[in-house]
Amino acid sequence: MPSLRRIPGRLRRALPIGAAFTAGALLSAGIARADQPNMREALSQLYGAQASLQAAAPNKGGHRDVALRLISEAIEQVQLGIAFAEGR
């Protein structure tokens, strides 16, 4: 194995950064695959908001309908994020 003294200065300074990045990536991969309590809470809140908007009177100039569509998209994205984190 070569001595660190034989590695050029810029590369020698980059080694600790690369090692830290690799360690962080490995640790975050383990965390990302863990349970997703914040994402699941967000999903629950989105379902609640969706139910409230569905119960609201539709006389909102189309804004209620747009909000319902956006919430449906948000629900889908959160579900996809949870599935991705769980490796599905």
PDB file of N, CA and C in Angstrom:
ATOM      1  N   MET A   1       0.854  -1.185   0.000  1.00  0.00           N
ATOM      2  CA  MET A   1       0.000   0.000   0.000  1.00  0.00           C
ATOM      3  C   MET A   1       0.889   1.235   0.000  1.00  0.00           C
ATOM      4  N   PRO A   2       0.612   2.217  -0.847  1.00  0.00           N
ATOM      5  CA  PRO A   2       1.483   3.391  -0.918  1.00  0.00           C
ATOM      6  C   PRO A   2       1.334   4.270   0.318  1.00  0.00           C
ATOM      7  N   SER A   3       2.405   4.938   0.636  1.00  0.00           N
ATOM      8  CA  SER A   3       2.400   5.884   1.751  1.00  0.00           C
ATOM      9  C   SER A   3       1.597   7.115   1.335  1.00  0.00           C
ATOM     10  N   LEU A   4       0.932   7.753   2.317  1.00  0.00           N
ATOM     11  CA  LEU A   4       0.180   8.971   2.003  1.00  0.00           C
ATOM     12  C   LEU A   4       1.096  10.072   1.486  1.00  0.00           C
ATOM     13  N   ARG A   5       2.349  10.034   1.860  1.00  0.00           N
ATOM     14  CA  ARG A   5       3.300  11.070   1.401  1.00  0.00           C
ATOM     15  C   ARG A   5       3.513  10.994  -0.100  1.00  0.00           C
ATOM     16  N   ARG A   6       3.288   9.832  -0.687  1.00  0.00           N
ATOM     17  CA  ARG A   6       3.521   9.664  -2.116  1.00  0.00           C
ATOM     18  C   ARG A   6       2.295  10.041  -2.936  1.00  0.00           C
ATOM     19  N   ILE A   7       1.169  10.317  -2.282  1.00  0.00           N
ATOM     20  CA  ILE A   7      -0.046  10.718  -2.984  1.00  0.00           C
ATOM     21  C   ILE A   7      -0.013  12.230  -3.166  1.00  0.00           C
ATOM     22  N   PRO A   8      -0.294  12.728  -4.365  1.00  0.00           N
ATOM     23  CA  PRO A   8      -0.259  14.181  -4.602  1.00  0.00           C
ATOM     24  C   PRO A   8      -1.143  14.944  -3.611  1.00  0.00           C
ATOM     25  N   GLY A   9      -0.771  16.184  -3.303  1.00  0.00           N
ATOM     26  CA  GLY A   9      -1.428  17.004  -2.280  1.00  0.00           C
ATOM     27  C   GLY A   9      -2.930  17.134  -2.433  1.00  0.00           C
ATOM     28  N   ARG A  10      -3.405  17.452  -3.628  1.00  0.00           N
ATOM     29  CA  ARG A  10      -4.854  17.642  -3.812  1.00  0.00           C
ATOM     30  C   ARG A  10      -5.605  16.348  -3.573  1.00  0.00           C
ATOM     31  N   LEU A  11      -5.073  15.258  -4.058  1.00  0.00           N
ATOM     32  CA  LEU A  11      -5.725  13.971  -3.863  1.00  0.00           C
ATOM     33  C   LEU A  11      -5.683  13.576  -2.387  1.00  0.00           C
ATOM     34  N   ARG A  12      -4.553  13.844  -1.725  1.00  0.00           N
ATOM     35  CA  ARG A  12      -4.413  13.512  -0.308  1.00  0.00           C
ATOM     36  C   ARG A  12      -5.443  14.281   0.519  1.00  0.00           C
ATOM     37  N   ARG A  13      -5.705  15.528   0.161  1.00  0.00           N
ATOM     38  CA  ARG A  13      -6.715  16.322   0.880  1.00  0.00           C
ATOM     39  C   ARG A  13      -8.127  15.837   0.569  1.00  0.00           C
ATOM     40  N   ALA A  14      -8.330  15.264  -0.598  1.00  0.00           N
ATOM     41  CA  ALA A  14      -9.662  14.797  -0.997  1.00  0.00           C
ATOM     42  C   ALA A  14     -10.020  13.454  -0.372  1.00  0.00           C
ATOM     43  N   LEU A  15      -9.023  12.684   0.037  1.00  0.00           N
ATOM     44  CA  LEU A  15      -9.304  11.361   0.596  1.00  0.00           C
ATOM     45  C   LEU A  15     -10.230  11.402   1.806  1.00  0.00           C
ATOM     46  N   PRO A  16      -9.986  12.266   2.804  1.00  0.00           N
ATOM     47  CA  PRO A  16     -10.909  12.289   3.954  1.00  0.00           C
ATOM     48  C   PRO A  16     -12.326  12.703   3.560  1.00  0.00           C
ATOM     49  N   ILE A  17     -12.444  13.605   2.595  1.00  0.00           N
ATOM     50  CA  ILE A  17     -13.765  14.042   2.137  1.00  0.00           C
ATOM     51  C   ILE A  17     -14.478  12.875   1.466  1.00  0.00           C
ATOM     52  N   GLY A  18     -13.759  12.145   0.625  1.00  0.00           N
ATOM     53  CA  GLY A  18     -14.339  10.981  -0.039  1.00  0.00           C
ATOM     54  C   GLY A  18     -14.750   9.905   0.950  1.00  0.00           C
ATOM     55  N   ALA A  19     -13.902   9.694   1.967  1.00  0.00           N
ATOM     56  CA  ALA A  19     -14.228   8.698   2.987  1.00  0.00           C
ATOM     57  C   ALA A  19     -15.463   9.123   3.777  1.00  0.00           C
ATOM     58  N   ALA A  20     -15.555  10.399   4.125  1.00  0.00           N
ATOM     59  CA  ALA A  20     -16.719  10.895   4.863  1.00  0.00           C
ATOM     60  C   ALA A  20     -17.982  10.775   4.017  1.00  0.00           C
ATOM     61  N   PHE A  21     -17.867  11.099   2.743  1.00  0.00           N
ATOM     62  CA  PHE A  21     -19.017  10.997   1.846  1.00  0.00           C
ATOM     63  C   PHE A  21     -19.491   9.549   1.751  1.00  0.00           C
ATOM     64  N   THR A  22     -18.549   8.624   1.586  1.00  0.00           N
ATOM     65  CA  THR A  22     -18.897   7.212   1.479  1.00  0.00           C
ATOM     66  C   THR A  22     -19.559   6.717   2.754  1.00  0.00           C
ATOM     67  N   ALA A  23     -18.990   7.079   3.898  1.00  0.00           N
ATOM     68  CA  ALA A  23     -19.572   6.667   5.180  1.00  0.00           C
ATOM     69  C   ALA A  23     -20.977   7.236   5.337  1.00  0.00           C
ATOM     70  N   GLY A  24     -21.161   8.503   4.986  1.00  0.00           N
ATOM     71  CA  GLY A  24     -22.473   9.126   5.078  1.00  0.00           C
ATOM     72  C   GLY A  24     -23.487   8.466   4.166  1.00  0.00           C
ATOM     73  N   ALA A  25     -23.053   8.116   2.974  1.00  0.00           N
ATOM     74  CA  ALA A  25     -23.960   7.457   2.034  1.00  0.00           C
ATOM     75  C   ALA A  25     -24.383   6.090   2.563  1.00  0.00           C
ATOM     76  N   LEU A  26     -23.435   5.359   3.121  1.00  0.00           N
ATOM     77  CA  LEU A  26     -23.760   4.043   3.664  1.00  0.00           C
ATOM     78  C   LEU A  26     -24.699   4.157   4.855  1.00  0.00           C
ATOM     79  N   LEU A  27     -24.448   5.128   5.734  1.00  0.00           N
ATOM     80  CA  LEU A  27     -25.317   5.308   6.894  1.00  0.00           C
ATOM     81  C   LEU A  27     -26.707   5.771   6.490  1.00  0.00           C
ATOM     82  N   SER A  28     -26.773   6.713   5.561  1.00  0.00           N
ATOM     83  CA  SER A  28     -28.089   7.212   5.158  1.00  0.00           C
ATOM     84  C   SER A  28     -28.871   6.145   4.412  1.00  0.00           C
ATOM     85  N   ALA A  29     -28.204   5.248   3.726  1.00  0.00           N
ATOM     86  CA  ALA A  29     -28.912   4.162   3.051  1.00  0.00           C
ATOM     87  C   ALA A  29     -29.608   3.284   4.075  1.00  0.00           C
ATOM     88  N   GLY A  30     -28.950   3.051   5.192  1.00  0.00           N
ATOM     89  CA  GLY A  30     -29.574   2.268   6.262  1.00  0.00           C
ATOM     90  C   GLY A  30     -30.733   2.999   6.892  1.00  0.00           C
ATOM     91  N   ILE A  31     -30.599   4.286   7.060  1.00  0.00           N
ATOM     92  CA  ILE A  31     -31.668   5.089   7.655  1.00  0.00           C
ATOM     93  C   ILE A  31     -32.847   5.191   6.695  1.00  0.00           C
ATOM     94  N   ALA A  32     -32.554   5.364   5.413  1.00  0.00           N
ATOM     95  CA  ALA A  32     -33.622   5.519   4.427  1.00  0.00           C
ATOM     96  C   ALA A  32     -34.483   4.263   4.341  1.00  0.00           C
ATOM     97  N   ARG A  33     -33.906   3.122   4.607  1.00  0.00           N
ATOM     98  CA  ARG A  33     -34.656   1.874   4.518  1.00  0.00           C
ATOM     99  C   ARG A  33     -35.413   1.566   5.808  1.00  0.00           C
ATOM    100  N   ALA A  34     -35.169   2.353   6.845  1.00  0.00           N
ATOM    101  CA  ALA A  34     -35.878   2.150   8.105  1.00  0.00           C
ATOM    102  C   ALA A  34     -37.330   2.598   7.942  1.00  0.00           C
ATOM    103  N   ASP A  35     -38.109   2.380   8.985  1.00  0.00           N
ATOM    104  CA  ASP A  35     -39.500   2.820   8.962  1.00  0.00           C
ATOM    105  C   ASP A  35     -39.552   4.310   8.633  1.00  0.00           C
ATOM    106  N   GLN A  36     -40.612   4.750   8.049  1.00  0.00           N
ATOM    107  CA  GLN A  36     -40.757   6.136   7.584  1.00  0.00           C
ATOM    108  C   GLN A  36     -41.852   6.859   8.372  1.00  0.00           C
ATOM    109  N   PRO A  37     -41.644   7.135   9.660  1.00  0.00           N
ATOM    110  CA  PRO A  37     -42.718   7.727  10.458  1.00  0.00           C
ATOM    111  C   PRO A  37     -43.148   9.109   9.971  1.00  0.00           C
ATOM    112  N   ASN A  38     -42.216   9.919   9.522  1.00  0.00           N
ATOM    113  CA  ASN A  38     -42.586  11.259   9.047  1.00  0.00           C
ATOM    114  C   ASN A  38     -43.364  11.194   7.737  1.00  0.00           C
ATOM    115  N   MET A  39     -42.945  10.308   6.863  1.00  0.00           N
ATOM    116  CA  MET A  39     -43.665  10.160   5.596  1.00  0.00           C
ATOM    117  C   MET A  39     -45.060   9.589   5.846  1.00  0.00           C
ATOM    118  N   ARG A  40     -45.153   8.632   6.747  1.00  0.00           N
ATOM    119  CA  ARG A  40     -46.467   8.046   7.057  1.00  0.00           C
ATOM    120  C   ARG A  40     -47.388   9.072   7.735  1.00  0.00           C
ATOM    121  N   GLU A  41     -46.810   9.921   8.581  1.00  0.00           N
ATOM    122  CA  GLU A  41     -47.608  10.988   9.210  1.00  0.00           C
ATOM    123  C   GLU A  41     -48.075  11.983   8.149  1.00  0.00           C
ATOM    124  N   ALA A  42     -47.193  12.327   7.222  1.00  0.00           N
ATOM    125  CA  ALA A  42     -47.578  13.232   6.129  1.00  0.00           C
ATOM    126  C   ALA A  42     -48.709  12.623   5.308  1.00  0.00           C
ATOM    127  N   LEU A  43     -48.612  11.329   5.050  1.00  0.00           N
ATOM    128  CA  LEU A  43     -49.659  10.641   4.295  1.00  0.00           C
ATOM    129  C   LEU A  43     -50.987  10.712   5.030  1.00  0.00           C
ATOM    130  N   SER A  44     -50.950  10.499   6.331  1.00  0.00           N
ATOM    131  CA  SER A  44     -52.164  10.586   7.146  1.00  0.00           C
ATOM    132  C   SER A  44     -52.762  11.996   7.084  1.00  0.00           C
ATOM    133  N   GLN A  45     -51.906  13.000   7.188  1.00  0.00           N
ATOM    134  CA  GLN A  45     -52.370  14.387   7.127  1.00  0.00           C
ATOM    135  C   GLN A  45     -52.963  14.706   5.750  1.00  0.00           C
ATOM    136  N   LEU A  46     -52.340  14.194   4.713  1.00  0.00           N
ATOM    137  CA  LEU A  46     -52.863  14.430   3.359  1.00  0.00           C
ATOM    138  C   LEU A  46     -54.235  13.796   3.181  1.00  0.00           C
ATOM    139  N   TYR A  47     -54.422  12.580   3.705  1.00  0.00           N
ATOM    140  CA  TYR A  47     -55.739  11.950   3.621  1.00  0.00           C
ATOM    141  C   TYR A  47     -56.780  12.780   4.381  1.00  0.00           C
ATOM    142  N   GLY A  48     -56.391  13.333   5.523  1.00  0.00           N
ATOM    143  CA  GLY A  48     -57.299  14.189   6.285  1.00  0.00           C
ATOM    144  C   GLY A  48     -57.665  15.452   5.525  1.00  0.00           C
ATOM    145  N   ALA A  49     -56.676  16.072   4.904  1.00  0.00           N
ATOM    146  CA  ALA A  49     -56.933  17.275   4.107  1.00  0.00           C
ATOM    147  C   ALA A  49     -57.824  16.950   2.912  1.00  0.00           C
ATOM    148  N   GLN A  50     -57.591  15.805   2.309  1.00  0.00           N
ATOM    149  CA  GLN A  50     -58.409  15.384   1.175  1.00  0.00           C
ATOM    150  C   GLN A  50     -59.868  15.205   1.600  1.00  0.00           C
ATOM    151  N   ALA A  51     -60.076  14.566   2.735  1.00  0.00           N
ATOM    152  CA  ALA A  51     -61.442  14.353   3.224  1.00  0.00           C
ATOM    153  C   ALA A  51     -62.122  15.686   3.538  1.00  0.00           C
ATOM    154  N   SER A  52     -61.383  16.614   4.134  1.00  0.00           N
ATOM    155  CA  SER A  52     -61.956  17.921   4.455  1.00  0.00           C
ATOM    156  C   SER A  52     -62.350  18.673   3.194  1.00  0.00           C
ATOM    157  N   LEU A  53     -61.494  18.635   2.193  1.00  0.00           N
ATOM    158  CA  LEU A  53     -61.810  19.329   0.943  1.00  0.00           C
ATOM    159  C   LEU A  53     -62.978  18.682   0.215  1.00  0.00           C
ATOM    160  N   GLN A  54     -63.066  17.359   0.265  1.00  0.00           N
ATOM    161  CA  GLN A  54     -64.184  16.678  -0.380  1.00  0.00           C
ATOM    162  C   GLN A  54     -65.504  17.038   0.305  1.00  0.00           C
ATOM    163  N   ALA A  55     -65.455  17.285   1.615  1.00  0.00           N
ATOM    164  CA  ALA A  55     -66.661  17.651   2.358  1.00  0.00           C
ATOM    165  C   ALA A  55     -67.025  19.121   2.178  1.00  0.00           C
ATOM    166  N   ALA A  56     -66.092  19.930   1.713  1.00  0.00           N
ATOM    167  CA  ALA A  56     -66.333  21.364   1.544  1.00  0.00           C
ATOM    168  C   ALA A  56     -67.256  21.622   0.347  1.00  0.00           C
ATOM    169  N   ALA A  57     -67.967  22.715   0.427  1.00  0.00           N
ATOM    170  CA  ALA A  57     -68.827  23.116  -0.692  1.00  0.00           C
ATOM    171  C   ALA A  57     -67.956  23.419  -1.910  1.00  0.00           C
ATOM    172  N   PRO A  58     -68.424  23.034  -3.090  1.00  0.00           N
ATOM    173  CA  PRO A  58     -67.604  23.199  -4.296  1.00  0.00           C
ATOM    174  C   PRO A  58     -67.568  24.618  -4.862  1.00  0.00           C
ATOM    175  N   ASN A  59     -68.144  25.586  -4.183  1.00  0.00           N
ATOM    176  CA  ASN A  59     -68.238  26.951  -4.725  1.00  0.00           C
ATOM    177  C   ASN A  59     -66.962  27.748  -4.412  1.00  0.00           C
ATOM    178  N   LYS A  60     -65.830  27.300  -4.900  1.00  0.00           N
ATOM    179  CA  LYS A  60     -64.553  27.959  -4.601  1.00  0.00           C
ATOM    180  C   LYS A  60     -63.835  28.417  -5.866  1.00  0.00           C
ATOM    181  N   GLY A  61     -64.574  28.604  -6.927  1.00  0.00           N
ATOM    182  CA  GLY A  61     -63.975  29.087  -8.173  1.00  0.00           C
ATOM    183  C   GLY A  61     -63.012  28.094  -8.807  1.00  0.00           C
ATOM    184  N   GLY A  62     -63.199  26.820  -8.524  1.00  0.00           N
ATOM    185  CA  GLY A  62     -62.333  25.791  -9.095  1.00  0.00           C
ATOM    186  C   GLY A  62     -61.099  25.498  -8.256  1.00  0.00           C
ATOM    187  N   HIS A  63     -60.843  26.330  -7.237  1.00  0.00           N
ATOM    188  CA  HIS A  63     -59.638  26.159  -6.424  1.00  0.00           C
ATOM    189  C   HIS A  63     -59.705  24.891  -5.561  1.00  0.00           C
ATOM    190  N   ARG A  64     -60.886  24.550  -5.089  1.00  0.00           N
ATOM    191  CA  ARG A  64     -61.054  23.317  -4.310  1.00  0.00           C
ATOM    192  C   ARG A  64     -60.678  22.117  -5.162  1.00  0.00           C
ATOM    193  N   ASP A  65     -61.141  22.111  -6.413  1.00  0.00           N
ATOM    194  CA  ASP A  65     -60.841  21.005  -7.319  1.00  0.00           C
ATOM    195  C   ASP A  65     -59.340  20.905  -7.602  1.00  0.00           C
ATOM    196  N   VAL A  66     -58.706  22.051  -7.790  1.00  0.00           N
ATOM    197  CA  VAL A  66     -57.254  22.050  -8.020  1.00  0.00           C
ATOM    198  C   VAL A  66     -56.537  21.528  -6.778  1.00  0.00           C
ATOM    199  N   ALA A  67     -56.974  21.963  -5.604  1.00  0.00           N
ATOM    200  CA  ALA A  67     -56.362  21.497  -4.360  1.00  0.00           C
ATOM    201  C   ALA A  67     -56.527  19.989  -4.200  1.00  0.00           C
ATOM    202  N   LEU A  68     -57.703  19.468  -4.534  1.00  0.00           N
ATOM    203  CA  LEU A  68     -57.920  18.024  -4.462  1.00  0.00           C
ATOM    204  C   LEU A  68     -56.994  17.266  -5.409  1.00  0.00           C
ATOM    205  N   ARG A  69     -56.817  17.805  -6.602  1.00  0.00           N
ATOM    206  CA  ARG A  69     -55.918  17.160  -7.565  1.00  0.00           C
ATOM    207  C   ARG A  69     -54.479  17.178  -7.047  1.00  0.00           C
ATOM    208  N   LEU A  70     -54.059  18.315  -6.511  1.00  0.00           N
ATOM    209  CA  LEU A  70     -52.689  18.422  -5.993  1.00  0.00           C
ATOM    210  C   LEU A  70     -52.468  17.502  -4.793  1.00  0.00           C
ATOM    211  N   ILE A  71     -53.472  17.383  -3.946  1.00  0.00           N
ATOM    212  CA  ILE A  71     -53.347  16.486  -2.794  1.00  0.00           C
ATOM    213  C   ILE A  71     -53.257  15.040  -3.273  1.00  0.00           C
ATOM    214  N   SER A  72     -54.028  14.682  -4.279  1.00  0.00           N
ATOM    215  CA  SER A  72     -53.937  13.327  -4.830  1.00  0.00           C
ATOM    216  C   SER A  72     -52.535  13.055  -5.375  1.00  0.00           C
ATOM    217  N   GLU A  73     -51.966  14.045  -6.056  1.00  0.00           N
ATOM    218  CA  GLU A  73     -50.601  13.904  -6.566  1.00  0.00           C
ATOM    219  C   GLU A  73     -49.607  13.788  -5.414  1.00  0.00           C
ATOM    220  N   ALA A  74     -49.806  14.582  -4.362  1.00  0.00           N
ATOM    221  CA  ALA A  74     -48.918  14.530  -3.202  1.00  0.00           C
ATOM    222  C   ALA A  74     -49.003  13.168  -2.518  1.00  0.00           C
ATOM    223  N   ILE A  75     -50.210  12.638  -2.391  1.00  0.00           N
ATOM    224  CA  ILE A  75     -50.388  11.306  -1.789  1.00  0.00           C
ATOM    225  C   ILE A  75     -49.611  10.274  -2.597  1.00  0.00           C
ATOM    226  N   GLU A  76     -49.735  10.346  -3.908  1.00  0.00           N
ATOM    227  CA  GLU A  76     -49.025   9.393  -4.769  1.00  0.00           C
ATOM    228  C   GLU A  76     -47.510   9.514  -4.587  1.00  0.00           C
ATOM    229  N   GLN A  77     -47.015  10.739  -4.536  1.00  0.00           N
ATOM    230  CA  GLN A  77     -45.576  10.943  -4.388  1.00  0.00           C
ATOM    231  C   GLN A  77     -45.069  10.442  -3.029  1.00  0.00           C
ATOM    232  N   VAL A  78     -45.822  10.687  -1.981  1.00  0.00           N
ATOM    233  CA  VAL A  78     -45.425  10.207  -0.657  1.00  0.00           C
ATOM    234  C   VAL A  78     -45.414   8.682  -0.639  1.00  0.00           C
ATOM    235  N   GLN A  79     -46.423   8.066  -1.240  1.00  0.00           N
ATOM    236  CA  GLN A  79     -46.464   6.602  -1.310  1.00  0.00           C
ATOM    237  C   GLN A  79     -45.268   6.061  -2.090  1.00  0.00           C
ATOM    238  N   LEU A  80     -44.922   6.717  -3.178  1.00  0.00           N
ATOM    239  CA  LEU A  80     -43.759   6.289  -3.966  1.00  0.00           C
ATOM    240  C   LEU A  80     -42.467   6.454  -3.168  1.00  0.00           C
ATOM    241  N   GLY A  81     -42.379   7.545  -2.409  1.00  0.00           N
ATOM    242  CA  GLY A  81     -41.202   7.760  -1.570  1.00  0.00           C
ATOM    243  C   GLY A  81     -41.055   6.693  -0.493  1.00  0.00           C
ATOM    244  N   ILE A  82     -42.150   6.327   0.121  1.00  0.00           N
ATOM    245  CA  ILE A  82     -42.129   5.269   1.144  1.00  0.00           C
ATOM    246  C   ILE A  82     -41.708   3.948   0.497  1.00  0.00           C
ATOM    247  N   ALA A  83     -42.297   3.642  -0.648  1.00  0.00           N
ATOM    248  CA  ALA A  83     -41.950   2.396  -1.347  1.00  0.00           C
ATOM    249  C   ALA A  83     -40.477   2.373  -1.739  1.00  0.00           C
ATOM    250  N   PHE A  84     -39.971   3.503  -2.209  1.00  0.00           N
ATOM    251  CA  PHE A  84     -38.557   3.582  -2.605  1.00  0.00           C
ATOM    252  C   PHE A  84     -37.659   3.340  -1.399  1.00  0.00           C
ATOM    253  N   ALA A  85     -37.980   3.989  -0.280  1.00  0.00           N
ATOM    254  CA  ALA A  85     -37.163   3.850   0.926  1.00  0.00           C
ATOM    255  C   ALA A  85     -37.193   2.425   1.452  1.00  0.00           C
ATOM    256  N   GLU A  86     -38.291   1.729   1.220  1.00  0.00           N
ATOM    257  CA  GLU A  86     -38.418   0.346   1.680  1.00  0.00           C
ATOM    258  C   GLU A  86     -37.846  -0.653   0.671  1.00  0.00           C
ATOM    259  N   GLY A  87     -37.327  -0.137  -0.423  1.00  0.00           N
ATOM    260  CA  GLY A  87     -36.702  -1.001  -1.427  1.00  0.00           C
ATOM    261  C   GLY A  87     -37.675  -1.700  -2.344  1.00  0.00           C
ATOM    262  N   ARG A  88     -38.892  -1.164  -2.448  1.00  0.00           N
ATOM    263  CA  ARG A  88     -39.890  -1.779  -3.349  1.00  0.00           C
ATOM    264  C   ARG A  88     -39.916  -1.062  -4.672  1.00  0.00           C
TER     265      ARG A  88
END
